[in-house]
Protein backbone atom coordinates (compact mmCIF):
# COMPACT_ATOMS: atom_id res chain seq x y z
CA UNK A 1 0.57 -50.14 -39.50
CA UNK A 2 -0.27 -46.57 -39.99
CA UNK A 3 -3.34 -45.14 -38.24
CA UNK A 4 -5.00 -44.47 -41.48
CA UNK A 5 -4.67 -48.08 -42.76
CA UNK A 6 -5.58 -49.44 -39.40
CA UNK A 7 -8.90 -47.55 -39.53
CA UNK A 8 -9.58 -48.66 -43.09
CA UNK A 9 -8.97 -52.43 -42.17
CA UNK A 10 -10.98 -52.12 -39.05
CA UNK A 11 -13.91 -50.74 -40.97
CA UNK A 12 -13.54 -53.49 -43.60
CA UNK A 13 -13.51 -56.09 -40.88
CA UNK A 14 -16.59 -54.60 -39.23
CA UNK A 15 -18.42 -54.66 -42.45
CA UNK A 16 -17.63 -58.24 -43.05
CA UNK A 17 -18.79 -59.30 -39.64
CA UNK A 18 -21.85 -57.36 -39.95
CA UNK A 19 -22.66 -59.05 -43.31
CA UNK A 20 -21.93 -62.42 -41.70
CA UNK A 21 -24.31 -61.58 -38.92
CA UNK A 22 -27.02 -60.65 -41.45
CA UNK A 23 -26.38 -63.82 -43.30
CA UNK A 24 -26.60 -65.92 -40.22
CA UNK A 25 -29.79 -64.12 -39.17
CA UNK A 26 -31.43 -64.65 -42.52
CA UNK A 27 -30.51 -68.40 -42.43
CA UNK A 28 -31.99 -68.70 -38.88
CA UNK A 29 -35.15 -66.91 -39.90
CA UNK A 30 -35.41 -69.26 -43.01
CA UNK A 31 -34.98 -72.30 -40.75
CA UNK A 32 -37.59 -70.91 -38.32
CA UNK A 33 -39.96 -70.10 -41.17
CA UNK A 34 -39.56 -73.71 -42.63
CA UNK A 35 -40.24 -75.12 -39.16
CA UNK A 36 -43.28 -72.89 -38.89
CA UNK A 37 -44.63 -74.01 -42.36
CA UNK A 38 -44.24 -77.68 -41.21
CA UNK A 39 -45.94 -77.05 -37.89
CA UNK A 40 -48.73 -75.41 -39.83
CA UNK A 41 -49.49 -79.08 -41.13
CA UNK A 42 -50.26 -79.83 -37.46
CA UNK A 43 -47.75 -82.64 -36.86
CA UNK A 44 -49.43 -83.23 -33.54
CA UNK A 45 -52.49 -84.72 -35.30
CA UNK A 46 -50.39 -87.50 -36.75
CA UNK A 47 -50.37 -91.02 -35.08
CA UNK A 48 -46.56 -91.10 -35.42
CA UNK A 49 -43.56 -88.71 -35.14
CA UNK A 50 -41.14 -87.77 -37.78
CA UNK A 51 -37.34 -88.24 -37.43
CA UNK A 52 -34.55 -87.95 -39.87
CA UNK A 53 -32.25 -90.76 -40.71
CA UNK A 54 -28.67 -89.66 -41.30
CA UNK A 55 -28.38 -91.78 -44.43
CA UNK A 56 -30.46 -89.20 -46.17
CA UNK A 57 -27.40 -87.03 -46.14
CA UNK A 58 -24.75 -89.58 -46.80
CA UNK A 59 -23.34 -87.79 -49.86
CA UNK A 60 -22.96 -84.48 -47.97
CA UNK A 61 -21.47 -86.30 -44.98
CA UNK A 62 -18.94 -88.31 -47.05
CA UNK A 63 -17.84 -85.30 -49.16
CA UNK A 64 -17.11 -83.31 -45.95
CA UNK A 65 -19.71 -80.70 -47.13
CA UNK A 66 -21.52 -81.45 -43.76
CA UNK A 67 -20.05 -82.68 -40.38
CA UNK A 68 -21.72 -85.20 -38.13
CA UNK A 69 -22.01 -82.70 -35.37
CA UNK A 70 -24.23 -80.43 -37.62
CA UNK A 71 -26.84 -83.15 -38.22
CA UNK A 72 -29.20 -82.21 -35.41
CA UNK A 73 -29.44 -78.66 -36.65
CA UNK A 74 -30.09 -79.87 -40.14
CA UNK A 75 -32.95 -82.10 -38.93
CA UNK A 76 -34.43 -79.24 -36.99
CA UNK A 77 -34.39 -77.22 -40.27
CA UNK A 78 -36.69 -79.75 -41.88
CA UNK A 79 -38.98 -79.65 -39.00
CA UNK A 80 -38.32 -83.05 -37.75
CA UNK A 81 -38.62 -84.06 -34.07
CA UNK A 82 -35.82 -86.74 -33.84
CA UNK A 83 -32.45 -87.75 -35.35
CA UNK A 84 -31.23 -91.27 -36.25
CA UNK A 85 -27.49 -91.52 -36.50
CA UNK A 86 -25.36 -93.84 -38.58
CA UNK A 87 -22.21 -95.27 -36.72
CA UNK A 88 -20.04 -94.97 -39.80
CA UNK A 89 -20.12 -91.13 -39.66
CA UNK A 90 -18.44 -91.17 -36.17
CA UNK A 91 -17.15 -94.74 -36.12
CA UNK A 92 -14.07 -93.83 -33.95
CA UNK A 93 -16.03 -91.93 -31.41
CA UNK A 94 -18.16 -94.56 -29.63
CA UNK A 95 -16.01 -94.13 -26.57
CA UNK A 96 -15.10 -90.57 -26.88
CA UNK A 97 -17.17 -89.19 -24.11
CA UNK A 98 -16.29 -85.48 -24.99
CA UNK A 99 -17.48 -85.86 -28.47
CA UNK A 100 -20.67 -87.80 -27.53
CA UNK A 101 -21.42 -85.01 -24.92
CA UNK A 102 -21.08 -82.55 -27.80
CA UNK A 103 -23.52 -84.42 -29.87
CA UNK A 104 -26.02 -84.72 -27.07
CA UNK A 105 -25.60 -80.96 -26.20
CA UNK A 106 -26.32 -79.94 -29.83
CA UNK A 107 -29.42 -82.22 -30.20
CA UNK A 108 -30.72 -80.69 -27.00
CA UNK A 109 -30.02 -77.18 -28.20
CA UNK A 110 -31.88 -77.86 -31.44
CA UNK A 111 -34.82 -79.59 -29.61
CA UNK A 112 -34.14 -82.88 -31.35
CA UNK A 113 -34.63 -86.22 -29.67
CA UNK A 114 -31.74 -88.70 -30.14
CA UNK A 115 -33.69 -91.71 -31.35
CA UNK A 116 -31.35 -94.49 -32.38
CA UNK A 117 -27.86 -95.39 -33.94
CA UNK A 118 -27.60 -97.60 -36.88
CA UNK A 119 -24.68 -99.73 -36.54
CA UNK A 120 -22.60 -101.08 -39.35
CA UNK A 121 -19.23 -102.76 -39.84
CA UNK A 122 -19.03 -104.63 -36.51
CA UNK A 123 -19.31 -108.18 -37.75
CA UNK A 124 -21.89 -110.73 -38.72
CA UNK A 125 -24.41 -111.59 -36.03
CA UNK A 126 -25.67 -114.55 -38.08
CA UNK A 127 -22.31 -116.07 -38.64
CA UNK A 128 -22.21 -119.84 -37.98
CA UNK A 129 -18.61 -119.50 -36.61
CA UNK A 130 -19.24 -119.13 -32.86
CA UNK A 131 -16.03 -117.23 -32.11
CA UNK A 132 -16.56 -114.75 -34.88
CA UNK A 133 -20.07 -114.19 -33.82
CA UNK A 134 -19.38 -113.66 -30.14
CA UNK A 135 -16.72 -111.10 -31.21
CA UNK A 136 -19.36 -109.34 -33.34
CA UNK A 137 -21.77 -109.33 -30.47
CA UNK A 138 -19.04 -107.79 -28.20
CA UNK A 139 -18.23 -105.17 -30.73
CA UNK A 140 -21.71 -103.79 -30.37
CA UNK A 141 -21.36 -103.34 -26.60
CA UNK A 142 -19.69 -99.84 -26.99
CA UNK A 143 -22.50 -98.71 -29.14
CA UNK A 144 -25.17 -99.73 -26.72
CA UNK A 145 -23.30 -97.66 -24.06
CA UNK A 146 -22.91 -94.56 -26.54
CA UNK A 147 -26.63 -94.93 -27.52
CA UNK A 148 -27.62 -94.94 -23.69
CA UNK A 149 -25.42 -91.79 -23.05
CA UNK A 150 -26.97 -89.97 -25.90
CA UNK A 151 -30.41 -90.81 -24.68
CA UNK A 152 -31.47 -92.95 -27.60
CA UNK A 153 -33.98 -95.76 -27.24
CA UNK A 154 -32.32 -98.21 -29.62
CA UNK A 155 -29.46 -99.33 -31.76
CA UNK A 156 -30.06 -101.02 -35.11
CA UNK A 157 -27.94 -104.07 -36.01
CA UNK A 158 -27.52 -106.31 -39.05
CA UNK A 159 -28.20 -110.05 -39.08
CA UNK A 160 -25.50 -110.66 -41.61
CA UNK A 161 -22.72 -113.37 -42.02
CA UNK A 162 -25.13 -116.35 -42.55
CA UNK A 163 -24.84 -118.97 -45.34
CA UNK A 164 -27.26 -121.64 -44.44
CA UNK A 165 -30.77 -120.42 -43.64
CA UNK A 166 -31.44 -122.60 -40.66
CA UNK A 167 -28.07 -122.16 -39.11
CA UNK A 168 -28.49 -118.46 -39.66
CA UNK A 169 -31.74 -118.42 -37.74
CA UNK A 170 -30.10 -120.21 -34.83
CA UNK A 171 -27.04 -117.98 -34.75
CA UNK A 172 -29.10 -114.83 -35.13
CA UNK A 173 -31.34 -115.89 -32.16
CA UNK A 174 -28.33 -116.56 -30.00
CA UNK A 175 -26.67 -113.19 -31.02
CA UNK A 176 -29.67 -111.13 -30.38
CA UNK A 177 -30.51 -112.75 -27.08
CA UNK A 178 -26.98 -112.15 -25.87
CA UNK A 179 -26.81 -108.55 -27.09
CA UNK A 180 -30.35 -107.82 -25.71
CA UNK A 181 -29.39 -109.18 -22.33
CA UNK A 182 -26.49 -106.80 -22.25
CA UNK A 183 -28.47 -103.87 -23.62
CA UNK A 184 -31.37 -104.42 -21.13
CA UNK A 185 -29.23 -102.73 -18.24
CA UNK A 186 -28.94 -99.67 -20.31
CA UNK A 187 -32.58 -99.43 -21.33
CA UNK A 188 -31.62 -99.84 -24.94
CA UNK A 189 -33.68 -101.90 -27.63
CA UNK A 190 -31.78 -103.97 -30.18
CA UNK A 191 -33.49 -103.78 -33.51
CA UNK A 192 -32.95 -105.71 -36.84
CA UNK A 193 -33.58 -104.04 -40.06
CA UNK A 194 -34.29 -105.83 -43.33
CA UNK A 195 -30.93 -104.90 -44.80
CA UNK A 196 -30.12 -107.41 -47.44
CA UNK A 197 -29.46 -111.15 -47.41
CA UNK A 198 -31.64 -113.29 -45.28
CA UNK A 199 -32.91 -110.25 -43.27
CA UNK A 200 -34.73 -109.07 -46.38
CA UNK A 201 -36.78 -112.31 -46.25
CA UNK A 202 -39.90 -111.59 -44.19
CA UNK A 203 -40.47 -115.32 -43.52
CA UNK A 204 -36.92 -115.83 -42.35
CA UNK A 205 -37.06 -112.82 -40.08
CA UNK A 206 -40.39 -114.16 -38.59
CA UNK A 207 -38.61 -117.49 -37.72
CA UNK A 208 -35.93 -115.51 -35.88
CA UNK A 209 -38.31 -113.21 -33.93
CA UNK A 210 -40.78 -115.91 -33.04
CA UNK A 211 -37.97 -117.32 -30.91
CA UNK A 212 -36.74 -114.10 -29.31
CA UNK A 213 -37.87 -113.86 -25.83
CA UNK A 214 -36.33 -110.53 -24.91
CA UNK A 215 -38.80 -107.56 -24.70
CA UNK A 216 -35.96 -105.07 -25.71
CA UNK A 217 -35.42 -106.81 -29.19
CA UNK A 218 -37.45 -106.07 -32.22
CA UNK A 219 -37.41 -105.03 -35.89
CA UNK A 220 -36.95 -101.86 -37.75
CA UNK A 221 -38.90 -102.38 -40.97
CA UNK A 222 -37.70 -100.42 -43.94
CA UNK A 223 -40.12 -99.59 -46.71
CA UNK A 224 -37.63 -100.39 -49.49
CA UNK A 225 -34.90 -102.81 -48.37
CA UNK A 226 -36.23 -106.10 -49.72
CA UNK A 227 -33.56 -107.18 -52.06
CA UNK A 228 -32.18 -110.62 -50.88
CA UNK A 229 -29.45 -110.98 -53.47
CA UNK A 230 -27.42 -108.53 -55.42
CA UNK A 231 -25.07 -108.85 -58.35
CA UNK A 232 -23.31 -106.25 -60.73
CA UNK A 233 -25.13 -103.41 -59.12
CA UNK A 234 -28.60 -104.76 -59.36
CA UNK A 235 -31.09 -106.87 -57.48
CA UNK A 236 -31.13 -110.37 -58.59
CA UNK A 237 -33.68 -111.75 -56.05
CA UNK A 238 -36.16 -109.53 -54.24
CA UNK A 239 -38.96 -110.03 -51.68
CA UNK A 240 -42.51 -108.58 -51.91
CA UNK A 241 -42.19 -105.48 -49.93
CA UNK A 242 -45.87 -105.29 -48.75
CA UNK A 243 -45.72 -108.91 -47.67
CA UNK A 244 -42.38 -108.22 -45.90
CA UNK A 245 -43.67 -105.07 -44.18
CA UNK A 246 -46.85 -107.03 -42.96
CA UNK A 247 -44.44 -109.81 -41.49
CA UNK A 248 -41.94 -107.36 -39.85
CA UNK A 249 -44.29 -104.75 -38.41
CA UNK A 250 -45.59 -106.77 -35.39
CA UNK A 251 -42.12 -106.91 -34.04
CA UNK A 252 -41.39 -103.19 -34.79
CA UNK A 253 -40.00 -100.60 -32.34
CA UNK A 254 -38.92 -98.27 -35.12
CA UNK A 255 -39.83 -97.66 -38.86
CA UNK A 256 -37.72 -96.50 -41.73
CA UNK A 257 -39.56 -94.48 -44.57
CA UNK A 258 -37.26 -95.16 -47.54
CA UNK A 259 -37.81 -93.17 -50.67
CA UNK A 260 -36.15 -92.96 -54.10
CA UNK A 261 -38.16 -91.03 -56.47
CA UNK A 262 -41.39 -88.80 -56.59
CA UNK A 263 -43.97 -88.00 -59.29
CA UNK A 264 -45.57 -84.65 -60.07
CA UNK A 265 -48.11 -85.19 -57.15
CA UNK A 266 -45.36 -85.78 -54.63
CA UNK A 267 -46.00 -89.51 -54.31
CA UNK A 268 -43.29 -92.03 -54.17
CA UNK A 269 -42.95 -93.83 -57.55
CA UNK A 270 -41.90 -97.23 -56.28
CA UNK A 271 -43.59 -97.54 -52.86
CA UNK A 272 -47.36 -96.93 -51.99
CA UNK A 273 -46.87 -94.92 -48.94
CA UNK A 274 -50.59 -94.98 -48.11
CA UNK A 275 -50.68 -98.74 -48.23
CA UNK A 276 -47.53 -99.11 -46.13
CA UNK A 277 -48.42 -96.44 -43.49
CA UNK A 278 -51.91 -98.01 -43.12
CA UNK A 279 -50.19 -101.26 -42.17
CA UNK A 280 -48.02 -99.26 -39.73
CA UNK A 281 -51.08 -97.76 -38.09
CA UNK A 282 -53.00 -101.07 -37.98
CA UNK A 283 -50.27 -102.64 -35.77
CA UNK A 284 -50.70 -99.94 -33.30
CA UNK A 285 -47.38 -98.40 -33.95
CA UNK A 286 -47.11 -94.74 -32.57
CA UNK A 287 -43.37 -93.97 -32.47
CA UNK A 288 -40.94 -92.30 -34.90
CA UNK A 289 -40.92 -93.00 -38.56
CA UNK A 290 -37.60 -92.06 -39.98
CA UNK A 291 -37.12 -90.19 -43.36
CA UNK A 292 -34.53 -92.08 -45.30
CA UNK A 293 -34.27 -90.62 -48.83
CA UNK A 294 -31.88 -92.75 -51.06
CA UNK A 295 -32.60 -91.27 -54.51
CA UNK A 296 -30.37 -89.40 -56.92
CA UNK A 297 -32.73 -87.46 -59.21
CA UNK A 298 -33.10 -84.62 -56.77
CA UNK A 299 -30.81 -83.18 -54.14
CA UNK A 300 -30.59 -84.66 -50.78
CA UNK A 301 -32.43 -81.64 -49.11
CA UNK A 302 -35.15 -81.80 -51.74
CA UNK A 303 -35.54 -85.56 -51.25
CA UNK A 304 -35.85 -85.24 -47.52
CA UNK A 305 -38.61 -82.41 -48.06
CA UNK A 306 -40.52 -84.50 -50.46
CA UNK A 307 -40.50 -87.54 -48.16
CA UNK A 308 -41.49 -85.46 -45.19
CA UNK A 309 -44.33 -83.87 -46.97
CA UNK A 310 -45.60 -87.21 -48.24
CA UNK A 311 -45.49 -88.73 -44.82
CA UNK A 312 -47.46 -85.62 -43.39
CA UNK A 313 -49.99 -85.96 -46.28
CA UNK A 314 -50.59 -89.67 -45.85
CA UNK A 315 -50.44 -89.35 -42.02
CA UNK A 316 -53.21 -86.72 -42.05
CA UNK A 317 -55.32 -88.92 -44.33
CA UNK A 318 -54.96 -91.93 -41.86
CA UNK A 319 -55.12 -89.92 -38.67
């Protein structure tokens, strides 16, 4: 390359890198300003802490627009204090210590607390078939160990696979007891979310947890997951969400603030947040409340912001 061409190309590269640096700096300042704006709402006055559930960004993650390793930075940008992972977004990494170390490092760098991992696709813990159920329990062991390494306090599991209600209660109790016994040594809680089927029936869940003796086993009540039976893309049988929350909250060790759509006042159109969060406060819960936006009328980022702002508004009213 001629000296003149080399100088030109070097200058162009320097300009490009300079522009990239300015862009990165602006983005960093934007994130810091967003966090400062959120902090201005005095999060410390709330009776709970706010985390971000990874499912809120499932479209970006599934499309490849966002990588699992960038989740902690994204959460920090919204002013959240903790992150709640979904196993499906790093399903082949449960035993990959180098990858888990990077996840932990990034969360620490962003000042984010690793809260929990939501586990899916590892088998039905309420399955009446004993061999299949034991296999499902053992499939969760690696996630208990991963959660422990990351510094989480819990994993979320599903009580799926049951056909008969009574049999499913018995199977669920046995599975949760076995898994919680294993998790106790890692100081990990095993939590069940109302996540469809029998688990979205508050009375059924009460039957299960009234028989659980393990202190490290509880529920993760979700504001919106009270559809018991689905068909052709719609809910065919639902459970009263407020009754369900009332029944699940006494066993809660985590809470999921589901949201779908908002009105012009910033209130969720299908869930009375003030009513639900008052229930949360009344049981003495003071842990993380995870933002889990699942709507489609606004972008994922906007939905997260609206849910966060609603939680802050309601939290300040109740605090």
